[in-house]
């Protein structure tokens, strides 16, 4: 939301998913947005 750095945001959300494999759906929403901000659209779609 603050404009990045998005690569760090990606690192944090992926770490959160590793720490809690039963993560709530909003983690995926955050991961999707991070990929979009990084222009990694092929990763964002799935």
ModelCIF file with pLDDT and N, C-alpha, C, O atoms, coordinates in Angstrom:
data_MODEL
#
_entry.id   MODEL 
#
_entity.id                         1 
_entity.type                       polymer 
_entity.pdbx_number_of_molecules   1 
#
_entity_poly.entity_id                      1 
_entity_poly.type                           'polypeptide(L)' 
_entity_poly.nstd_linkage                   no 
_entity_poly.nstd_monomer                   no 
_entity_poly.pdbx_seq_one_letter_code       
;(UNK)(UNK)(UNK)(UNK)(UNK)(UNK)(UNK)(UNK)(UNK)(UNK)(UNK)(UNK)(UNK)(UNK)(UNK)(UNK)
(UNK)(UNK)(UNK)(UNK)(UNK)(UNK)(UNK)(UNK)(UNK)(UNK)(UNK)(UNK)(UNK)(UNK)(UNK)(UNK)
(UNK)(UNK)(UNK)(UNK)(UNK)(UNK)(UNK)(UNK)(UNK)(UNK)(UNK)(UNK)(UNK)(UNK)
;
_entity_poly.pdbx_seq_one_letter_code_can   XXXXXXXXXXXXXXXXXXXXXXXXXXXXXXXXXXXXXXXXXXXXXX 
_entity_poly.pdbx_strand_id                 A 
#
loop_
_entity_poly_seq.entity_id 
_entity_poly_seq.num 
_entity_poly_seq.mon_id 
_entity_poly_seq.hetero 
1 1  UNK n 
1 2  UNK n 
1 3  UNK n 
1 4  UNK n 
1 5  UNK n 
1 6  UNK n 
1 7  UNK n 
1 8  UNK n 
1 9  UNK n 
1 10 UNK n 
1 11 UNK n 
1 12 UNK n 
1 13 UNK n 
1 14 UNK n 
1 15 UNK n 
1 16 UNK n 
1 17 UNK n 
1 18 UNK n 
1 19 UNK n 
1 20 UNK n 
1 21 UNK n 
1 22 UNK n 
1 23 UNK n 
1 24 UNK n 
1 25 UNK n 
1 26 UNK n 
1 27 UNK n 
1 28 UNK n 
1 29 UNK n 
1 30 UNK n 
1 31 UNK n 
1 32 UNK n 
1 33 UNK n 
1 34 UNK n 
1 35 UNK n 
1 36 UNK n 
1 37 UNK n 
1 38 UNK n 
1 39 UNK n 
1 40 UNK n 
1 41 UNK n 
1 42 UNK n 
1 43 UNK n 
1 44 UNK n 
1 45 UNK n 
1 46 UNK n 
#
_struct_asym.id          A 
_struct_asym.entity_id   1 
#
loop_
_ma_qa_metric.id 
_ma_qa_metric.mode 
_ma_qa_metric.name 
_ma_qa_metric.software_group_id 
_ma_qa_metric.type 
1 global pLDDT . pLDDT 
2 local  pLDDT . pLDDT 
#
_ma_qa_metric_global.metric_id      1 
_ma_qa_metric_global.metric_value   93.20 
_ma_qa_metric_global.model_id       1 
_ma_qa_metric_global.ordinal_id     1 
#
loop_
_ma_qa_metric_local.label_asym_id 
_ma_qa_metric_local.label_comp_id 
_ma_qa_metric_local.label_seq_id 
_ma_qa_metric_local.metric_id 
_ma_qa_metric_local.metric_value 
_ma_qa_metric_local.model_id 
_ma_qa_metric_local.ordinal_id 
A UNK 1  2 90.00 1 1  
A UNK 2  2 89.00 1 2  
A UNK 3  2 90.00 1 3  
A UNK 4  2 89.00 1 4  
A UNK 5  2 94.00 1 5  
A UNK 6  2 96.00 1 6  
A UNK 7  2 96.00 1 7  
A UNK 8  2 96.00 1 8  
A UNK 9  2 96.00 1 9  
A UNK 10 2 97.00 1 10 
A UNK 11 2 97.00 1 11 
A UNK 12 2 97.00 1 12 
A UNK 13 2 97.00 1 13 
A UNK 14 2 97.00 1 14 
A UNK 15 2 97.00 1 15 
A UNK 16 2 94.00 1 16 
A UNK 17 2 95.00 1 17 
A UNK 18 2 96.00 1 18 
A UNK 19 2 92.00 1 19 
A UNK 20 2 89.00 1 20 
A UNK 21 2 90.00 1 21 
A UNK 22 2 85.00 1 22 
A UNK 23 2 86.00 1 23 
A UNK 24 2 83.00 1 24 
A UNK 25 2 86.00 1 25 
A UNK 26 2 86.00 1 26 
A UNK 27 2 93.00 1 27 
A UNK 28 2 93.00 1 28 
A UNK 29 2 91.00 1 29 
A UNK 30 2 92.00 1 30 
A UNK 31 2 95.00 1 31 
A UNK 32 2 95.00 1 32 
A UNK 33 2 94.00 1 33 
A UNK 34 2 96.00 1 34 
A UNK 35 2 96.00 1 35 
A UNK 36 2 96.00 1 36 
A UNK 37 2 96.00 1 37 
A UNK 38 2 96.00 1 38 
A UNK 39 2 96.00 1 39 
A UNK 40 2 95.00 1 40 
A UNK 41 2 94.00 1 41 
A UNK 42 2 95.00 1 42 
A UNK 43 2 94.00 1 43 
A UNK 44 2 94.00 1 44 
A UNK 45 2 93.00 1 45 
A UNK 46 2 93.00 1 46 
#
loop_
_atom_site.group_PDB 
_atom_site.id 
_atom_site.type_symbol 
_atom_site.label_atom_id 
_atom_site.label_alt_id 
_atom_site.label_comp_id 
_atom_site.label_asym_id 
_atom_site.label_entity_id 
_atom_site.label_seq_id 
_atom_site.pdbx_PDB_ins_code 
_atom_site.Cartn_x 
_atom_site.Cartn_y 
_atom_site.Cartn_z 
_atom_site.occupancy 
_atom_site.B_iso_or_equiv 
_atom_site.pdbx_formal_charge 
_atom_site.auth_seq_id 
_atom_site.auth_comp_id 
_atom_site.auth_asym_id 
_atom_site.auth_atom_id 
_atom_site.pdbx_PDB_model_num 
ATOM 1   N N  . UNK A 1 1  ? 0.816  -1.208  0.000   1.00 90.00 ? 1  UNK A N  1 
ATOM 2   C CA . UNK A 1 1  ? 0.000  0.000   0.000   1.00 90.00 ? 1  UNK A CA 1 
ATOM 3   C C  . UNK A 1 1  ? 0.853  1.263   0.000   1.00 90.00 ? 1  UNK A C  1 
ATOM 4   O O  . UNK A 1 1  ? 0.455  2.293   -0.544  1.00 90.00 ? 1  UNK A O  1 
ATOM 5   N N  . UNK A 1 2  ? 2.028  1.172   0.615   1.00 89.00 ? 2  UNK A N  1 
ATOM 6   C CA . UNK A 1 2  ? 2.908  2.336   0.736   1.00 89.00 ? 2  UNK A CA 1 
ATOM 7   C C  . UNK A 1 2  ? 3.788  2.542   -0.492  1.00 89.00 ? 2  UNK A C  1 
ATOM 8   O O  . UNK A 1 2  ? 4.542  3.513   -0.560  1.00 89.00 ? 2  UNK A O  1 
ATOM 9   N N  . UNK A 1 3  ? 3.695  1.634   -1.465  1.00 90.00 ? 3  UNK A N  1 
ATOM 10  C CA . UNK A 1 3  ? 4.487  1.793   -2.683  1.00 90.00 ? 3  UNK A CA 1 
ATOM 11  C C  . UNK A 1 3  ? 5.774  1.005   -2.712  1.00 90.00 ? 3  UNK A C  1 
ATOM 12  O O  . UNK A 1 3  ? 6.649  1.268   -3.537  1.00 90.00 ? 3  UNK A O  1 
ATOM 13  N N  . UNK A 1 4  ? 5.897  0.041   -1.819  1.00 89.00 ? 4  UNK A N  1 
ATOM 14  C CA . UNK A 1 4  ? 7.064  -0.833  -1.851  1.00 89.00 ? 4  UNK A CA 1 
ATOM 15  C C  . UNK A 1 4  ? 8.046  -0.581  -0.713  1.00 89.00 ? 4  UNK A C  1 
ATOM 16  O O  . UNK A 1 4  ? 7.775  0.183   0.213   1.00 89.00 ? 4  UNK A O  1 
ATOM 17  N N  . UNK A 1 5  ? 9.197  -1.247  -0.813  1.00 94.00 ? 5  UNK A N  1 
ATOM 18  C CA . UNK A 1 5  ? 9.687  -2.065  -1.931  1.00 94.00 ? 5  UNK A CA 1 
ATOM 19  C C  . UNK A 1 5  ? 8.910  -3.386  -2.073  1.00 94.00 ? 5  UNK A C  1 
ATOM 20  O O  . UNK A 1 5  ? 8.721  -4.123  -1.105  1.00 94.00 ? 5  UNK A O  1 
ATOM 21  N N  . UNK A 1 6  ? 8.469  -3.657  -3.306  1.00 96.00 ? 6  UNK A N  1 
ATOM 22  C CA . UNK A 1 6  ? 7.615  -4.812  -3.550  1.00 96.00 ? 6  UNK A CA 1 
ATOM 23  C C  . UNK A 1 6  ? 8.359  -6.135  -3.444  1.00 96.00 ? 6  UNK A C  1 
ATOM 24  O O  . UNK A 1 6  ? 7.767  -7.154  -3.086  1.00 96.00 ? 6  UNK A O  1 
ATOM 25  N N  . UNK A 1 7  ? 9.652  -6.129  -3.752  1.00 96.00 ? 7  UNK A N  1 
ATOM 26  C CA . UNK A 1 7  ? 10.398 -7.377  -3.624  1.00 96.00 ? 7  UNK A CA 1 
ATOM 27  C C  . UNK A 1 7  ? 10.484 -7.804  -2.160  1.00 96.00 ? 7  UNK A C  1 
ATOM 28  O O  . UNK A 1 7  ? 10.488 -8.995  -1.851  1.00 96.00 ? 7  UNK A O  1 
ATOM 29  N N  . UNK A 1 8  ? 10.551 -6.830  -1.274  1.00 96.00 ? 8  UNK A N  1 
ATOM 30  C CA . UNK A 1 8  ? 10.567 -7.157  0.151   1.00 96.00 ? 8  UNK A CA 1 
ATOM 31  C C  . UNK A 1 8  ? 9.185  -7.627  0.608   1.00 96.00 ? 8  UNK A C  1 
ATOM 32  O O  . UNK A 1 8  ? 9.070  -8.541  1.424   1.00 96.00 ? 8  UNK A O  1 
ATOM 33  N N  . UNK A 1 9  ? 8.143  -6.995  0.076   1.00 96.00 ? 9  UNK A N  1 
ATOM 34  C CA . UNK A 1 9  ? 6.786  -7.428  0.397   1.00 96.00 ? 9  UNK A CA 1 
ATOM 35  C C  . UNK A 1 9  ? 6.574  -8.880  -0.024  1.00 96.00 ? 9  UNK A C  1 
ATOM 36  O O  . UNK A 1 9  ? 5.929  -9.649  0.689   1.00 96.00 ? 9  UNK A O  1 
ATOM 37  N N  . UNK A 1 10 ? 7.114  -9.252  -1.178  1.00 97.00 ? 10 UNK A N  1 
ATOM 38  C CA . UNK A 1 10 ? 6.996  -10.627 -1.656  1.00 97.00 ? 10 UNK A CA 1 
ATOM 39  C C  . UNK A 1 10 ? 7.710  -11.590 -0.716  1.00 97.00 ? 10 UNK A C  1 
ATOM 40  O O  . UNK A 1 10 ? 7.197  -12.661 -0.394  1.00 97.00 ? 10 UNK A O  1 
ATOM 41  N N  . UNK A 1 11 ? 8.882  -11.196 -0.290  1.00 97.00 ? 11 UNK A N  1 
ATOM 42  C CA . UNK A 1 11 ? 9.647  -12.024 0.643   1.00 97.00 ? 11 UNK A CA 1 
ATOM 43  C C  . UNK A 1 11 ? 8.880  -12.236 1.942   1.00 97.00 ? 11 UNK A C  1 
ATOM 44  O O  . UNK A 1 11 ? 8.877  -13.338 2.491   1.00 97.00 ? 11 UNK A O  1 
ATOM 45  N N  . UNK A 1 12 ? 8.228  -11.182 2.434   1.00 97.00 ? 12 UNK A N  1 
ATOM 46  C CA . UNK A 1 12 ? 7.499  -11.253 3.700   1.00 97.00 ? 12 UNK A CA 1 
ATOM 47  C C  . UNK A 1 12 ? 6.245  -12.117 3.587   1.00 97.00 ? 12 UNK A C  1 
ATOM 48  O O  . UNK A 1 12 ? 5.978  -12.928 4.474   1.00 97.00 ? 12 UNK A O  1 
ATOM 49  N N  . UNK A 1 13 ? 5.471  -11.958 2.512   1.00 97.00 ? 13 UNK A N  1 
ATOM 50  C CA . UNK A 1 13 ? 4.236  -12.730 2.398   1.00 97.00 ? 13 UNK A CA 1 
ATOM 51  C C  . UNK A 1 13 ? 4.540  -14.204 2.171   1.00 97.00 ? 13 UNK A C  1 
ATOM 52  O O  . UNK A 1 13 ? 3.812  -15.067 2.661   1.00 97.00 ? 13 UNK A O  1 
ATOM 53  N N  . UNK A 1 14 ? 5.600  -14.501 1.439   1.00 97.00 ? 14 UNK A N  1 
ATOM 54  C CA . UNK A 1 14 ? 5.985  -15.909 1.255   1.00 97.00 ? 14 UNK A CA 1 
ATOM 55  C C  . UNK A 1 14 ? 6.474  -16.516 2.566   1.00 97.00 ? 14 UNK A C  1 
ATOM 56  O O  . UNK A 1 14 ? 6.210  -17.685 2.848   1.00 97.00 ? 14 UNK A O  1 
ATOM 57  N N  . UNK A 1 15 ? 7.179  -15.734 3.355   1.00 97.00 ? 15 UNK A N  1 
ATOM 58  C CA . UNK A 1 15 ? 7.618  -16.211 4.661   1.00 97.00 ? 15 UNK A CA 1 
ATOM 59  C C  . UNK A 1 15 ? 6.419  -16.482 5.556   1.00 97.00 ? 15 UNK A C  1 
ATOM 60  O O  . UNK A 1 15 ? 6.393  -17.477 6.280   1.00 97.00 ? 15 UNK A O  1 
ATOM 61  N N  . UNK A 1 16 ? 5.421  -15.598 5.508   1.00 94.00 ? 16 UNK A N  1 
ATOM 62  C CA . UNK A 1 16 ? 4.210  -15.787 6.309   1.00 94.00 ? 16 UNK A CA 1 
ATOM 63  C C  . UNK A 1 16 ? 3.520  -17.101 5.948   1.00 94.00 ? 16 UNK A C  1 
ATOM 64  O O  . UNK A 1 16 ? 3.029  -17.810 6.825   1.00 94.00 ? 16 UNK A O  1 
ATOM 65  N N  . UNK A 1 17 ? 3.485  -17.417 4.671   1.00 95.00 ? 17 UNK A N  1 
ATOM 66  C CA . UNK A 1 17 ? 2.845  -18.658 4.221   1.00 95.00 ? 17 UNK A CA 1 
ATOM 67  C C  . UNK A 1 17 ? 3.620  -19.894 4.665   1.00 95.00 ? 17 UNK A C  1 
ATOM 68  O O  . UNK A 1 17 ? 3.036  -20.943 4.936   1.00 95.00 ? 17 UNK A O  1 
ATOM 69  N N  . UNK A 1 18 ? 4.928  -19.759 4.734   1.00 96.00 ? 18 UNK A N  1 
ATOM 70  C CA . UNK A 1 18 ? 5.733  -20.878 5.234   1.00 96.00 ? 18 UNK A CA 1 
ATOM 71  C C  . UNK A 1 18 ? 5.514  -21.074 6.733   1.00 96.00 ? 18 UNK A C  1 
ATOM 72  O O  . UNK A 1 18 ? 5.445  -22.201 7.224   1.00 96.00 ? 18 UNK A O  1 
ATOM 73  N N  . UNK A 1 19 ? 5.405  -19.958 7.446   1.00 92.00 ? 19 UNK A N  1 
ATOM 74  C CA . UNK A 1 19 ? 5.225  -20.025 8.890   1.00 92.00 ? 19 UNK A CA 1 
ATOM 75  C C  . UNK A 1 19 ? 3.838  -20.551 9.268   1.00 92.00 ? 19 UNK A C  1 
ATOM 76  O O  . UNK A 1 19 ? 3.677  -21.211 10.295  1.00 92.00 ? 19 UNK A O  1 
ATOM 77  N N  . UNK A 1 20 ? 2.857  -20.259 8.444   1.00 89.00 ? 20 UNK A N  1 
ATOM 78  C CA . UNK A 1 20 ? 1.489  -20.722 8.704   1.00 89.00 ? 20 UNK A CA 1 
ATOM 79  C C  . UNK A 1 20 ? 0.910  -21.338 7.426   1.00 89.00 ? 20 UNK A C  1 
ATOM 80  O O  . UNK A 1 20 ? 0.222  -20.653 6.670   1.00 89.00 ? 20 UNK A O  1 
ATOM 81  N N  . UNK A 1 21 ? 1.182  -22.622 7.180   1.00 90.00 ? 21 UNK A N  1 
ATOM 82  C CA . UNK A 1 21 ? 0.682  -23.274 5.962   1.00 90.00 ? 21 UNK A CA 1 
ATOM 83  C C  . UNK A 1 21 ? -0.843 -23.262 5.839   1.00 90.00 ? 21 UNK A C  1 
ATOM 84  O O  . UNK A 1 21 ? -1.381 -23.382 4.739   1.00 90.00 ? 21 UNK A O  1 
ATOM 85  N N  . UNK A 1 22 ? -1.536 -23.116 6.969   1.00 85.00 ? 22 UNK A N  1 
ATOM 86  C CA . UNK A 1 22 ? -3.002 -23.022 6.953   1.00 85.00 ? 22 UNK A CA 1 
ATOM 87  C C  . UNK A 1 22 ? -3.448 -21.566 6.956   1.00 85.00 ? 22 UNK A C  1 
ATOM 88  O O  . UNK A 1 22 ? -4.386 -21.182 7.654   1.00 85.00 ? 22 UNK A O  1 
ATOM 89  N N  . UNK A 1 23 ? -2.755 -20.773 6.161   1.00 86.00 ? 23 UNK A N  1 
ATOM 90  C CA . UNK A 1 23 ? -2.997 -19.326 6.143   1.00 86.00 ? 23 UNK A CA 1 
ATOM 91  C C  . UNK A 1 23 ? -4.412 -18.987 5.668   1.00 86.00 ? 23 UNK A C  1 
ATOM 92  O O  . UNK A 1 23 ? -5.008 -19.728 4.886   1.00 86.00 ? 23 UNK A O  1 
ATOM 93  N N  . UNK A 1 24 ? -4.948 -17.848 6.155   1.00 83.00 ? 24 UNK A N  1 
ATOM 94  C CA . UNK A 1 24 ? -6.267 -17.397 5.704   1.00 83.00 ? 24 UNK A CA 1 
ATOM 95  C C  . UNK A 1 24 ? -6.196 -16.874 4.269   1.00 83.00 ? 24 UNK A C  1 
ATOM 96  O O  . UNK A 1 24 ? -5.111 -16.532 3.801   1.00 83.00 ? 24 UNK A O  1 
ATOM 97  N N  . UNK A 1 25 ? -7.330 -16.804 3.558   1.00 86.00 ? 25 UNK A N  1 
ATOM 98  C CA . UNK A 1 25 ? -7.335 -16.405 2.148   1.00 86.00 ? 25 UNK A CA 1 
ATOM 99  C C  . UNK A 1 25 ? -6.737 -15.036 1.860   1.00 86.00 ? 25 UNK A C  1 
ATOM 100 O O  . UNK A 1 25 ? -6.239 -14.803 0.758   1.00 86.00 ? 25 UNK A O  1 
ATOM 101 N N  . UNK A 1 26 ? -6.777 -14.120 2.834   1.00 86.00 ? 26 UNK A N  1 
ATOM 102 C CA . UNK A 1 26 ? -6.276 -12.778 2.527   1.00 86.00 ? 26 UNK A CA 1 
ATOM 103 C C  . UNK A 1 26 ? -4.778 -12.763 2.261   1.00 86.00 ? 26 UNK A C  1 
ATOM 104 O O  . UNK A 1 26 ? -4.274 -11.821 1.649   1.00 86.00 ? 26 UNK A O  1 
ATOM 105 N N  . UNK A 1 27 ? -4.052 -13.790 2.710   1.00 93.00 ? 27 UNK A N  1 
ATOM 106 C CA . UNK A 1 27 ? -2.638 -13.890 2.373   1.00 93.00 ? 27 UNK A CA 1 
ATOM 107 C C  . UNK A 1 27 ? -2.487 -13.987 0.851   1.00 93.00 ? 27 UNK A C  1 
ATOM 108 O O  . UNK A 1 27 ? -1.588 -13.379 0.271   1.00 93.00 ? 27 UNK A O  1 
ATOM 109 N N  . UNK A 1 28 ? -3.368 -14.750 0.214   1.00 93.00 ? 28 UNK A N  1 
ATOM 110 C CA . UNK A 1 28 ? -3.321 -14.911 -1.241  1.00 93.00 ? 28 UNK A CA 1 
ATOM 111 C C  . UNK A 1 28 ? -3.626 -13.592 -1.937  1.00 93.00 ? 28 UNK A C  1 
ATOM 112 O O  . UNK A 1 28 ? -3.033 -13.277 -2.969  1.00 93.00 ? 28 UNK A O  1 
ATOM 113 N N  . UNK A 1 29 ? -4.551 -12.822 -1.370  1.00 91.00 ? 29 UNK A N  1 
ATOM 114 C CA . UNK A 1 29 ? -4.846 -11.515 -1.950  1.00 91.00 ? 29 UNK A CA 1 
ATOM 115 C C  . UNK A 1 29 ? -3.627 -10.607 -1.926  1.00 91.00 ? 29 UNK A C  1 
ATOM 116 O O  . UNK A 1 29 ? -3.359 -9.885  -2.887  1.00 91.00 ? 29 UNK A O  1 
ATOM 117 N N  . UNK A 1 30 ? -2.897 -10.649 -0.831  1.00 92.00 ? 30 UNK A N  1 
ATOM 118 C CA . UNK A 1 30 ? -1.680 -9.846  -0.716  1.00 92.00 ? 30 UNK A CA 1 
ATOM 119 C C  . UNK A 1 30 ? -0.606 -10.337 -1.681  1.00 92.00 ? 30 UNK A C  1 
ATOM 120 O O  . UNK A 1 30 ? 0.083  -9.532  -2.309  1.00 92.00 ? 30 UNK A O  1 
ATOM 121 N N  . UNK A 1 31 ? -0.462 -11.657 -1.800  1.00 95.00 ? 31 UNK A N  1 
ATOM 122 C CA . UNK A 1 31 ? 0.523  -12.221 -2.725  1.00 95.00 ? 31 UNK A CA 1 
ATOM 123 C C  . UNK A 1 31 ? 0.179  -11.849 -4.162  1.00 95.00 ? 31 UNK A C  1 
ATOM 124 O O  . UNK A 1 31 ? 1.061  -11.495 -4.944  1.00 95.00 ? 31 UNK A O  1 
ATOM 125 N N  . UNK A 1 32 ? -1.106 -11.928 -4.510  1.00 95.00 ? 32 UNK A N  1 
ATOM 126 C CA . UNK A 1 32 ? -1.543 -11.570 -5.865  1.00 95.00 ? 32 UNK A CA 1 
ATOM 127 C C  . UNK A 1 32 ? -1.187 -10.121 -6.197  1.00 95.00 ? 32 UNK A C  1 
ATOM 128 O O  . UNK A 1 32 ? -0.640 -9.834  -7.262  1.00 95.00 ? 32 UNK A O  1 
ATOM 129 N N  . UNK A 1 33 ? -1.502 -9.217  -5.274  1.00 94.00 ? 33 UNK A N  1 
ATOM 130 C CA . UNK A 1 33 ? -1.199 -7.808  -5.512  1.00 94.00 ? 33 UNK A CA 1 
ATOM 131 C C  . UNK A 1 33 ? 0.304  -7.569  -5.643  1.00 94.00 ? 33 UNK A C  1 
ATOM 132 O O  . UNK A 1 33 ? 0.740  -6.761  -6.463  1.00 94.00 ? 33 UNK A O  1 
ATOM 133 N N  . UNK A 1 34 ? 1.085  -8.268  -4.837  1.00 96.00 ? 34 UNK A N  1 
ATOM 134 C CA . UNK A 1 34 ? 2.540  -8.098  -4.896  1.00 96.00 ? 34 UNK A CA 1 
ATOM 135 C C  . UNK A 1 34 ? 3.070  -8.508  -6.265  1.00 96.00 ? 34 UNK A C  1 
ATOM 136 O O  . UNK A 1 34 ? 3.897  -7.808  -6.849  1.00 96.00 ? 34 UNK A O  1 
ATOM 137 N N  . UNK A 1 35 ? 2.599  -9.635  -6.772  1.00 96.00 ? 35 UNK A N  1 
ATOM 138 C CA . UNK A 1 35 ? 3.022  -10.066 -8.109  1.00 96.00 ? 35 UNK A CA 1 
ATOM 139 C C  . UNK A 1 35 ? 2.615  -9.039  -9.168  1.00 96.00 ? 35 UNK A C  1 
ATOM 140 O O  . UNK A 1 35 ? 3.374  -8.768  -10.099 1.00 96.00 ? 35 UNK A O  1 
ATOM 141 N N  . UNK A 1 36 ? 1.430  -8.475  -9.025  1.00 96.00 ? 36 UNK A N  1 
ATOM 142 C CA . UNK A 1 36 ? 0.964  -7.470  -9.990  1.00 96.00 ? 36 UNK A CA 1 
ATOM 143 C C  . UNK A 1 36 ? 1.851  -6.234  -9.948  1.00 96.00 ? 36 UNK A C  1 
ATOM 144 O O  . UNK A 1 36 ? 2.239  -5.703  -10.988 1.00 96.00 ? 36 UNK A O  1 
ATOM 145 N N  . UNK A 1 37 ? 2.170  -5.777  -8.736  1.00 96.00 ? 37 UNK A N  1 
ATOM 146 C CA . UNK A 1 37 ? 3.026  -4.596  -8.603  1.00 96.00 ? 37 UNK A CA 1 
ATOM 147 C C  . UNK A 1 37 ? 4.422  -4.851  -9.168  1.00 96.00 ? 37 UNK A C  1 
ATOM 148 O O  . UNK A 1 37 ? 5.079  -3.940  -9.671  1.00 96.00 ? 37 UNK A O  1 
ATOM 149 N N  . UNK A 1 38 ? 4.858  -6.098  -9.077  1.00 96.00 ? 38 UNK A N  1 
ATOM 150 C CA . UNK A 1 38 ? 6.164  -6.475  -9.631  1.00 96.00 ? 38 UNK A CA 1 
ATOM 151 C C  . UNK A 1 38 ? 6.090  -6.787  -11.130 1.00 96.00 ? 38 UNK A C  1 
ATOM 152 O O  . UNK A 1 38 ? 7.094  -7.116  -11.761 1.00 96.00 ? 38 UNK A O  1 
ATOM 153 N N  . UNK A 1 39 ? 4.865  -6.673  -11.688 1.00 96.00 ? 39 UNK A N  1 
ATOM 154 C CA . UNK A 1 39 ? 4.609  -6.963  -13.115 1.00 96.00 ? 39 UNK A CA 1 
ATOM 155 C C  . UNK A 1 39 ? 4.879  -8.431  -13.458 1.00 96.00 ? 39 UNK A C  1 
ATOM 156 O O  . UNK A 1 39 ? 5.227  -8.758  -14.593 1.00 96.00 ? 39 UNK A O  1 
ATOM 157 N N  . UNK A 1 40 ? 4.717  -9.298  -12.476 1.00 95.00 ? 40 UNK A N  1 
ATOM 158 C CA . UNK A 1 40 ? 4.864  -10.741 -12.682 1.00 95.00 ? 40 UNK A CA 1 
ATOM 159 C C  . UNK A 1 40 ? 3.456  -11.334 -12.857 1.00 95.00 ? 40 UNK A C  1 
ATOM 160 O O  . UNK A 1 40 ? 2.963  -12.077 -12.009 1.00 95.00 ? 40 UNK A O  1 
ATOM 161 N N  . UNK A 1 41 ? 2.838  -10.982 -13.975 1.00 94.00 ? 41 UNK A N  1 
ATOM 162 C CA . UNK A 1 41 ? 1.434  -11.310 -14.184 1.00 94.00 ? 41 UNK A CA 1 
ATOM 163 C C  . UNK A 1 41 ? 1.188  -12.817 -14.304 1.00 94.00 ? 41 UNK A C  1 
ATOM 164 O O  . UNK A 1 41 ? 0.155  -13.311 -13.851 1.00 94.00 ? 41 UNK A O  1 
ATOM 165 N N  . UNK A 1 42 ? 2.115  -13.541 -14.901 1.00 95.00 ? 42 UNK A N  1 
ATOM 166 C CA . UNK A 1 42 ? 1.954  -14.991 -15.036 1.00 95.00 ? 42 UNK A CA 1 
ATOM 167 C C  . UNK A 1 42 ? 1.934  -15.687 -13.674 1.00 95.00 ? 42 UNK A C  1 
ATOM 168 O O  . UNK A 1 42 ? 1.288  -16.720 -13.499 1.00 95.00 ? 42 UNK A O  1 
ATOM 169 N N  . UNK A 1 43 ? 2.654  -15.101 -12.716 1.00 94.00 ? 43 UNK A N  1 
ATOM 170 C CA . UNK A 1 43 ? 2.627  -15.650 -11.359 1.00 94.00 ? 43 UNK A CA 1 
ATOM 171 C C  . UNK A 1 43 ? 1.345  -15.250 -10.629 1.00 94.00 ? 43 UNK A C  1 
ATOM 172 O O  . UNK A 1 43 ? 0.852  -15.988 -9.776  1.00 94.00 ? 43 UNK A O  1 
ATOM 173 N N  . UNK A 1 44 ? 0.811  -14.078 -10.970 1.00 94.00 ? 44 UNK A N  1 
ATOM 174 C CA . UNK A 1 44 ? -0.374 -13.562 -10.286 1.00 94.00 ? 44 UNK A CA 1 
ATOM 175 C C  . UNK A 1 44 ? -1.645 -14.335 -10.651 1.00 94.00 ? 44 UNK A C  1 
ATOM 176 O O  . UNK A 1 44 ? -2.536 -14.489 -9.816  1.00 94.00 ? 44 UNK A O  1 
ATOM 177 N N  . UNK A 1 45 ? -1.734 -14.822 -11.891 1.00 93.00 ? 45 UNK A N  1 
ATOM 178 C CA . UNK A 1 45 ? -2.967 -15.454 -12.372 1.00 93.00 ? 45 UNK A CA 1 
ATOM 179 C C  . UNK A 1 45 ? -3.363 -16.682 -11.552 1.00 93.00 ? 45 UNK A C  1 
ATOM 180 O O  . UNK A 1 45 ? -4.504 -16.744 -11.094 1.00 93.00 ? 45 UNK A O  1 
ATOM 181 N N  . UNK A 1 46 ? -2.472 -17.672 -11.342 1.00 93.00 ? 46 UNK A N  1 
ATOM 182 C CA . UNK A 1 46 ? -2.894 -18.840 -10.540 1.00 93.00 ? 46 UNK A CA 1 
ATOM 183 C C  . UNK A 1 46 ? -3.212 -18.487 -9.090  1.00 93.00 ? 46 UNK A C  1 
ATOM 184 O O  . UNK A 1 46 ? -3.576 -19.364 -8.307  1.00 93.00 ? 46 UNK A O  1 
#
